[in-house]
Amino acid sequence: MSLVDEEGIINIFKLLNKNKLNYILIRNINQELPHKLEVGKDIDILINKNEEKKFISFLKENSYKQLIHPFRYDTFLYGVNRLEFRYKNNKDILFDPNFQIIVRSFEAGQWIPLDQIIQKSAWENKRFHQQDSNFGYWTLSYDDEFVCLVARCVFDKKEFQDGYKKRIDELYSMINKEDVLEKLNLIFFKFTPYIMELIKEKNYDNIIKNYLQFKEY
């Protein structure tokens, strides 16, 4: 297993922060960044569509080349900005810029955005995480990270992988339950209290099955 050069990851995030680029690292499961990112895996980063040119200019100035996005010709619904390009340098660091927090629909795999309340909260409540003395980054608030990880597991992964379960368990004791319930309700509606109870019980294996069988809408 080949790993991406960790010093390169540390340095590009230092530059992102120094240049005050407005970004959010959407997730860092198992703290893959900066030491354990496998070659070929991208770094999902949220940027503002209005600042796309500034962000792309920054990447190009730092020797990143534009690559056609593998999902470019997928279907994007409800105002989702199409994923058109990824950016890679000669050290195999691969950035995947997103303009909204999105998931795949169960219907036919179309890309759809999470509710605007969640999109707005992501920017308003982002936090700076100092992982160690050399590496820090802007990321989602604990509440928004929890909501987005649960949505990703259900809709994108269609399973709760071990790294996601571990992080959701960590976040469960840190979140504002009322805020999280309100946001999850925008995604899962009347199934929300059930999904929270299953997470509380760490009964991850039954979440998706129960959600798909839920008929009390």
C-alpha atoms as a PDB file:
ATOM      1  CA  MET A   1       0.000   0.000   0.000  1.00  0.00           C
ATOM      2  CA  SER A   2       1.524   3.306  -1.122  1.00  0.00           C
ATOM      3  CA  LEU A   3       0.885   6.398   0.952  1.00  0.00           C
ATOM      4  CA  VAL A   4       0.775  10.025  -0.122  1.00  0.00           C
ATOM      5  CA  ASP A   5       3.724  12.140   0.987  1.00  0.00           C
ATOM      6  CA  GLU A   6       2.703  13.483   4.401  1.00  0.00           C
ATOM      7  CA  GLU A   7       4.972  16.527   4.285  1.00  0.00           C
ATOM      8  CA  GLY A   8       3.287  17.583   1.071  1.00  0.00           C
ATOM      9  CA  ILE A   9      -0.140  17.370   2.726  1.00  0.00           C
ATOM     10  CA  ILE A  10       1.053  19.321   5.771  1.00  0.00           C
ATOM     11  CA  ASN A  11       2.601  22.022   3.614  1.00  0.00           C
ATOM     12  CA  ILE A  12      -0.405  22.548   1.316  1.00  0.00           C
ATOM     13  CA  PHE A  13      -2.734  22.959   4.289  1.00  0.00           C
ATOM     14  CA  LYS A  14      -0.294  25.400   5.877  1.00  0.00           C
ATOM     15  CA  LEU A  15      -0.457  27.409   2.664  1.00  0.00           C
ATOM     16  CA  LEU A  16      -4.251  27.178   2.524  1.00  0.00           C
ATOM     17  CA  ASN A  17      -4.409  28.585   6.045  1.00  0.00           C
ATOM     18  CA  LYS A  18      -1.693  31.202   5.523  1.00  0.00           C
ATOM     19  CA  ASN A  19      -3.441  32.483   2.398  1.00  0.00           C
ATOM     20  CA  LYS A  20      -6.765  32.568   4.262  1.00  0.00           C
ATOM     21  CA  LEU A  21      -8.540  30.435   1.667  1.00  0.00           C
ATOM     22  CA  ASN A  22     -12.140  29.859   2.680  1.00  0.00           C
ATOM     23  CA  TYR A  23     -12.440  26.078   2.769  1.00  0.00           C
ATOM     24  CA  ILE A  24     -13.761  23.200   4.878  1.00  0.00           C
ATOM     25  CA  LEU A  25     -12.208  19.747   4.981  1.00  0.00           C
ATOM     26  CA  ILE A  26     -15.396  17.685   4.904  1.00  0.00           C
ATOM     27  CA  ARG A  27     -14.020  14.658   6.749  1.00  0.00           C
ATOM     28  CA  ASN A  28     -10.828  13.027   7.928  1.00  0.00           C
ATOM     29  CA  ILE A  29     -11.868   9.477   8.805  1.00  0.00           C
ATOM     30  CA  ASN A  30      -9.310   7.547  10.861  1.00  0.00           C
ATOM     31  CA  GLN A  31      -7.165  10.691  10.703  1.00  0.00           C
ATOM     32  CA  GLU A  32      -5.895   9.617   7.297  1.00  0.00           C
ATOM     33  CA  LEU A  33      -4.520  13.108   6.862  1.00  0.00           C
ATOM     34  CA  PRO A  34      -1.684  13.742   6.902  1.00  0.00           C
ATOM     35  CA  HIS A  35       0.076  10.438   7.636  1.00  0.00           C
ATOM     36  CA  LYS A  36      -2.119   7.624   6.299  1.00  0.00           C
ATOM     37  CA  LEU A  37      -3.709   8.751   3.029  1.00  0.00           C
ATOM     38  CA  GLU A  38      -3.441   6.060   0.362  1.00  0.00           C
ATOM     39  CA  VAL A  39      -2.352   7.030  -3.133  1.00  0.00           C
ATOM     40  CA  GLY A  40      -5.447   7.435  -5.313  1.00  0.00           C
ATOM     41  CA  LYS A  41      -7.732   8.637  -2.501  1.00  0.00           C
ATOM     42  CA  ASP A  42      -8.808  12.222  -2.829  1.00  0.00           C
ATOM     43  CA  ILE A  43      -9.221  14.976  -0.265  1.00  0.00           C
ATOM     44  CA  ASP A  44     -12.847  16.179  -0.218  1.00  0.00           C
ATOM     45  CA  ILE A  45     -12.849  19.893   0.399  1.00  0.00           C
ATOM     46  CA  LEU A  46     -15.797  22.282   0.471  1.00  0.00           C
ATOM     47  CA  ILE A  47     -15.372  25.669  -1.173  1.00  0.00           C
ATOM     48  CA  ASN A  48     -17.695  28.524  -2.033  1.00  0.00           C
ATOM     49  CA  LYS A  49     -18.725  28.567  -5.701  1.00  0.00           C
ATOM     50  CA  ASN A  50     -18.124  32.330  -5.749  1.00  0.00           C
ATOM     51  CA  GLU A  51     -14.512  31.732  -4.710  1.00  0.00           C
ATOM     52  CA  GLU A  52     -13.819  28.907  -7.157  1.00  0.00           C
ATOM     53  CA  LYS A  53     -11.461  30.968  -9.344  1.00  0.00           C
ATOM     54  CA  LYS A  54      -9.437  32.064  -6.329  1.00  0.00           C
ATOM     55  CA  PHE A  55      -9.126  28.495  -5.083  1.00  0.00           C
ATOM     56  CA  ILE A  56      -8.186  27.083  -8.490  1.00  0.00           C
ATOM     57  CA  SER A  57      -5.615  29.844  -9.016  1.00  0.00           C
ATOM     58  CA  PHE A  58      -4.081  28.940  -5.669  1.00  0.00           C
ATOM     59  CA  LEU A  59      -3.835  25.259  -6.635  1.00  0.00           C
ATOM     60  CA  LYS A  60      -2.345  26.022 -10.038  1.00  0.00           C
ATOM     61  CA  GLU A  61       0.212  28.348  -8.456  1.00  0.00           C
ATOM     62  CA  ASN A  62       1.227  25.382  -6.312  1.00  0.00           C
ATOM     63  CA  SER A  63       1.722  23.035  -9.292  1.00  0.00           C
ATOM     64  CA  TYR A  64      -1.636  21.243  -9.235  1.00  0.00           C
ATOM     65  CA  LYS A  65      -2.977  20.063 -12.570  1.00  0.00           C
ATOM     66  CA  GLN A  66      -6.633  19.836 -13.551  1.00  0.00           C
ATOM     67  CA  LEU A  67      -8.129  16.371 -14.079  1.00  0.00           C
ATOM     68  CA  ILE A  68     -11.569  15.469 -15.437  1.00  0.00           C
ATOM     69  CA  HIS A  69     -13.793  14.431 -12.540  1.00  0.00           C
ATOM     70  CA  PRO A  70     -14.943  10.772 -12.704  1.00  0.00           C
ATOM     71  CA  PHE A  71     -18.495  11.856 -11.754  1.00  0.00           C
ATOM     72  CA  ARG A  72     -18.654  14.674 -14.270  1.00  0.00           C
ATOM     73  CA  TYR A  73     -21.459  13.122 -16.307  1.00  0.00           C
ATOM     74  CA  ASP A  74     -23.574  11.983 -13.364  1.00  0.00           C
ATOM     75  CA  THR A  75     -26.969  13.560 -12.725  1.00  0.00           C
ATOM     76  CA  PHE A  76     -26.977  16.528 -10.337  1.00  0.00           C
ATOM     77  CA  LEU A  77     -30.325  17.696  -8.978  1.00  0.00           C
ATOM     78  CA  TYR A  78     -31.796  20.598  -6.984  1.00  0.00           C
ATOM     79  CA  GLY A  79     -29.149  23.175  -7.773  1.00  0.00           C
ATOM     80  CA  VAL A  80     -26.070  21.048  -7.094  1.00  0.00           C
ATOM     81  CA  ASN A  81     -23.059  22.435  -8.935  1.00  0.00           C
ATOM     82  CA  ARG A  82     -21.632  19.751 -11.199  1.00  0.00           C
ATOM     83  CA  LEU A  83     -18.399  18.078 -10.118  1.00  0.00           C
ATOM     84  CA  GLU A  84     -16.205  18.786 -13.127  1.00  0.00           C
ATOM     85  CA  PHE A  85     -12.562  18.711 -12.069  1.00  0.00           C
ATOM     86  CA  ARG A  86     -10.159  17.362  -9.497  1.00  0.00           C
ATOM     87  CA  TYR A  87      -6.655  18.701  -8.911  1.00  0.00           C
ATOM     88  CA  LYS A  88      -3.481  16.664  -8.458  1.00  0.00           C
ATOM     89  CA  ASN A  89       0.206  17.461  -7.974  1.00  0.00           C
ATOM     90  CA  ASN A  90       3.315  15.376  -8.604  1.00  0.00           C
ATOM     91  CA  LYS A  91       3.245  14.048  -5.025  1.00  0.00           C
ATOM     92  CA  ASP A  92      -0.110  12.312  -5.599  1.00  0.00           C
ATOM     93  CA  ILE A  93      -2.060  14.804  -3.466  1.00  0.00           C
ATOM     94  CA  LEU A  94      -5.523  14.848  -5.027  1.00  0.00           C
ATOM     95  CA  PHE A  95      -8.108  17.514  -4.151  1.00  0.00           C
ATOM     96  CA  ASP A  96     -11.800  17.075  -4.934  1.00  0.00           C
ATOM     97  CA  PRO A  97     -13.516  20.477  -4.602  1.00  0.00           C
ATOM     98  CA  ASN A  98     -17.212  20.354  -3.673  1.00  0.00           C
ATOM     99  CA  PHE A  99     -19.512  23.358  -3.719  1.00  0.00           C
ATOM    100  CA  GLN A 100     -22.241  21.826  -1.565  1.00  0.00           C
ATOM    101  CA  ILE A 101     -22.453  18.944   0.864  1.00  0.00           C
ATOM    102  CA  ILE A 102     -24.087  16.309  -1.297  1.00  0.00           C
ATOM    103  CA  VAL A 103     -25.168  12.659  -1.176  1.00  0.00           C
ATOM    104  CA  ARG A 104     -26.441  10.139  -3.691  1.00  0.00           C
ATOM    105  CA  SER A 105     -30.167   9.507  -3.814  1.00  0.00           C
ATOM    106  CA  PHE A 106     -31.475   5.993  -3.297  1.00  0.00           C
ATOM    107  CA  GLU A 107     -33.657   6.346  -6.396  1.00  0.00           C
ATOM    108  CA  ALA A 108     -31.045   6.266  -9.165  1.00  0.00           C
ATOM    109  CA  GLY A 109     -27.837   7.530  -7.629  1.00  0.00           C
ATOM    110  CA  GLN A 110     -28.385  11.168  -8.555  1.00  0.00           C
ATOM    111  CA  TRP A 111     -26.409  13.719  -6.547  1.00  0.00           C
ATOM    112  CA  ILE A 112     -28.610  15.832  -4.276  1.00  0.00           C
ATOM    113  CA  PRO A 113     -27.733  18.489  -1.675  1.00  0.00           C
ATOM    114  CA  LEU A 114     -28.435  18.296   2.009  1.00  0.00           C
ATOM    115  CA  ASP A 115     -30.914  20.926   3.198  1.00  0.00           C
ATOM    116  CA  GLN A 116     -29.885  24.577   2.894  1.00  0.00           C
ATOM    117  CA  ILE A 117     -30.014  24.931   6.668  1.00  0.00           C
ATOM    118  CA  ILE A 118     -27.188  22.386   6.885  1.00  0.00           C
ATOM    119  CA  GLN A 119     -25.261  24.046   4.034  1.00  0.00           C
ATOM    120  CA  LYS A 120     -25.480  27.423   5.772  1.00  0.00           C
ATOM    121  CA  SER A 121     -24.549  25.972   9.145  1.00  0.00           C
ATOM    122  CA  ALA A 122     -21.441  24.344   7.662  1.00  0.00           C
ATOM    123  CA  TRP A 123     -19.952  27.759   6.914  1.00  0.00           C
ATOM    124  CA  GLU A 124     -21.331  29.641   9.896  1.00  0.00           C
ATOM    125  CA  ASN A 125     -20.143  27.076  12.448  1.00  0.00           C
ATOM    126  CA  LYS A 126     -16.949  25.719  10.932  1.00  0.00           C
ATOM    127  CA  ARG A 127     -14.115  25.212  13.392  1.00  0.00           C
ATOM    128  CA  PHE A 128     -10.345  25.057  13.226  1.00  0.00           C
ATOM    129  CA  HIS A 129      -8.964  21.682  14.260  1.00  0.00           C
ATOM    130  CA  GLN A 130      -5.319  21.576  15.330  1.00  0.00           C
ATOM    131  CA  GLN A 131      -4.555  17.881  14.975  1.00  0.00           C
ATOM    132  CA  ASP A 132      -0.944  18.211  16.086  1.00  0.00           C
ATOM    133  CA  SER A 133       1.763  20.859  16.234  1.00  0.00           C
ATOM    134  CA  ASN A 134       2.315  20.733  12.458  1.00  0.00           C
ATOM    135  CA  PHE A 135      -1.118  20.057  11.021  1.00  0.00           C
ATOM    136  CA  GLY A 136      -4.359  21.988  11.334  1.00  0.00           C
ATOM    137  CA  TYR A 137      -7.369  22.605   9.120  1.00  0.00           C
ATOM    138  CA  TRP A 138     -10.848  24.125   8.955  1.00  0.00           C
ATOM    139  CA  THR A 139     -13.593  21.546   9.256  1.00  0.00           C
ATOM    140  CA  LEU A 140     -17.269  21.114  10.137  1.00  0.00           C
ATOM    141  CA  SER A 141     -18.650  21.737  13.599  1.00  0.00           C
ATOM    142  CA  TYR A 142     -19.167  18.596  15.673  1.00  0.00           C
ATOM    143  CA  ASP A 143     -22.931  18.751  15.080  1.00  0.00           C
ATOM    144  CA  ASP A 144     -22.628  19.190  11.317  1.00  0.00           C
ATOM    145  CA  GLU A 145     -19.915  16.552  11.036  1.00  0.00           C
ATOM    146  CA  PHE A 146     -22.132  14.056  12.858  1.00  0.00           C
ATOM    147  CA  VAL A 147     -25.108  14.785  10.585  1.00  0.00           C
ATOM    148  CA  CYS A 148     -23.020  14.604   7.405  1.00  0.00           C
ATOM    149  CA  LEU A 149     -21.289  11.368   8.365  1.00  0.00           C
ATOM    150  CA  VAL A 150     -24.601   9.659   9.125  1.00  0.00           C
ATOM    151  CA  ALA A 151     -26.050  10.859   5.812  1.00  0.00           C
ATOM    152  CA  ARG A 152     -22.969   9.714   3.922  1.00  0.00           C
ATOM    153  CA  CYS A 153     -23.078   6.243   5.457  1.00  0.00           C
ATOM    154  CA  VAL A 154     -26.755   5.788   4.628  1.00  0.00           C
ATOM    155  CA  PHE A 155     -26.847   7.270   1.133  1.00  0.00           C
ATOM    156  CA  ASP A 156     -23.310   7.067  -0.298  1.00  0.00           C
ATOM    157  CA  LYS A 157     -21.699   4.114   1.450  1.00  0.00           C
ATOM    158  CA  LYS A 158     -24.925   2.224   2.144  1.00  0.00           C
ATOM    159  CA  GLU A 159     -23.163   0.828   5.189  1.00  0.00           C
ATOM    160  CA  PHE A 160     -21.511   2.054   8.363  1.00  0.00           C
ATOM    161  CA  GLN A 161     -17.834   1.238   7.959  1.00  0.00           C
ATOM    162  CA  ASP A 162     -15.657   0.865  11.037  1.00  0.00           C
ATOM    163  CA  GLY A 163     -13.920   4.229  10.694  1.00  0.00           C
ATOM    164  CA  TYR A 164     -17.258   6.008  10.389  1.00  0.00           C
ATOM    165  CA  LYS A 165     -18.731   4.142  13.353  1.00  0.00           C
ATOM    166  CA  LYS A 166     -15.743   5.059  15.488  1.00  0.00           C
ATOM    167  CA  ARG A 167     -15.978   8.744  14.608  1.00  0.00           C
ATOM    168  CA  ILE A 168     -19.775   8.895  15.037  1.00  0.00           C
ATOM    169  CA  ASP A 169     -19.379   7.263  18.455  1.00  0.00           C
ATOM    170  CA  GLU A 170     -16.768   9.888  19.397  1.00  0.00           C
ATOM    171  CA  LEU A 171     -19.004  12.711  18.240  1.00  0.00           C
ATOM    172  CA  TYR A 172     -22.121  11.404  19.989  1.00  0.00           C
ATOM    173  CA  SER A 173     -20.896  12.593  23.396  1.00  0.00           C
ATOM    174  CA  MET A 174     -19.841  15.984  21.976  1.00  0.00           C
ATOM    175  CA  ILE A 175     -22.879  17.067  19.992  1.00  0.00           C
ATOM    176  CA  ASN A 176     -25.835  19.243  20.869  1.00  0.00           C
ATOM    177  CA  LYS A 177     -28.546  16.578  20.585  1.00  0.00           C
ATOM    178  CA  GLU A 178     -31.333  19.090  19.967  1.00  0.00           C
ATOM    179  CA  ASP A 179     -29.469  20.751  17.104  1.00  0.00           C
ATOM    180  CA  VAL A 180     -28.549  17.407  15.570  1.00  0.00           C
ATOM    181  CA  LEU A 181     -32.111  16.104  15.799  1.00  0.00           C
ATOM    182  CA  GLU A 182     -33.388  19.192  13.997  1.00  0.00           C
ATOM    183  CA  LYS A 183     -30.888  18.746  11.187  1.00  0.00           C
ATOM    184  CA  LEU A 184     -31.328  14.993  10.863  1.00  0.00           C
ATOM    185  CA  ASN A 185     -35.065  15.574  10.666  1.00  0.00           C
ATOM    186  CA  LEU A 186     -34.447  17.540   7.445  1.00  0.00           C
ATOM    187  CA  ILE A 187     -32.966  14.359   5.970  1.00  0.00           C
ATOM    188  CA  PHE A 188     -34.683  11.409   7.630  1.00  0.00           C
ATOM    189  CA  PHE A 189     -37.964  13.006   8.725  1.00  0.00           C
ATOM    190  CA  LYS A 190     -39.990  10.786  11.098  1.00  0.00           C
ATOM    191  CA  PHE A 191     -37.272   8.137  11.141  1.00  0.00           C
ATOM    192  CA  THR A 192     -34.936  10.581  12.940  1.00  0.00           C
ATOM    193  CA  PRO A 193     -35.631   9.502  16.565  1.00  0.00           C
ATOM    194  CA  TYR A 194     -35.148   5.876  15.554  1.00  0.00           C
ATOM    195  CA  ILE A 195     -31.818   6.506  13.877  1.00  0.00           C
ATOM    196  CA  MET A 196     -30.585   8.421  16.933  1.00  0.00           C
ATOM    197  CA  GLU A 197     -31.634   5.590  19.229  1.00  0.00           C
ATOM    198  CA  LEU A 198     -29.881   3.018  17.053  1.00  0.00           C
ATOM    199  CA  ILE A 199     -26.710   5.131  17.076  1.00  0.00           C
ATOM    200  CA  LYS A 200     -26.956   5.512  20.848  1.00  0.00           C
ATOM    201  CA  GLU A 201     -27.170   1.715  21.113  1.00  0.00           C
ATOM    202  CA  LYS A 202     -24.347   1.325  18.546  1.00  0.00           C
ATOM    203  CA  ASN A 203     -26.725  -0.830  16.546  1.00  0.00           C
ATOM    204  CA  TYR A 204     -25.327   0.278  13.208  1.00  0.00           C
ATOM    205  CA  ASP A 205     -26.074  -2.933  11.347  1.00  0.00           C
ATOM    206  CA  ASN A 206     -29.827  -2.306  11.463  1.00  0.00           C
ATOM    207  CA  ILE A 207     -29.936   1.394  10.583  1.00  0.00           C
ATOM    208  CA  ILE A 208     -30.155   1.172   6.814  1.00  0.00           C
ATOM    209  CA  LYS A 209     -32.393  -1.908   6.796  1.00  0.00           C
ATOM    210  CA  ASN A 210     -34.822  -0.261   9.240  1.00  0.00           C
ATOM    211  CA  TYR A 211     -34.736   3.008   7.323  1.00  0.00           C
ATOM    212  CA  LEU A 212     -35.631   1.329   4.047  1.00  0.00           C
ATOM    213  CA  GLN A 213     -38.458  -0.582   5.728  1.00  0.00           C
ATOM    214  CA  PHE A 214     -39.815   2.453   7.584  1.00  0.00           C
ATOM    215  CA  LYS A 215     -43.431   3.222   6.572  1.00  0.00           C
ATOM    216  CA  GLU A 216     -44.651   5.713   9.186  1.00  0.00           C
ATOM    217  CA  TYR A 217     -44.317   8.830   7.057  1.00  0.00           C
END
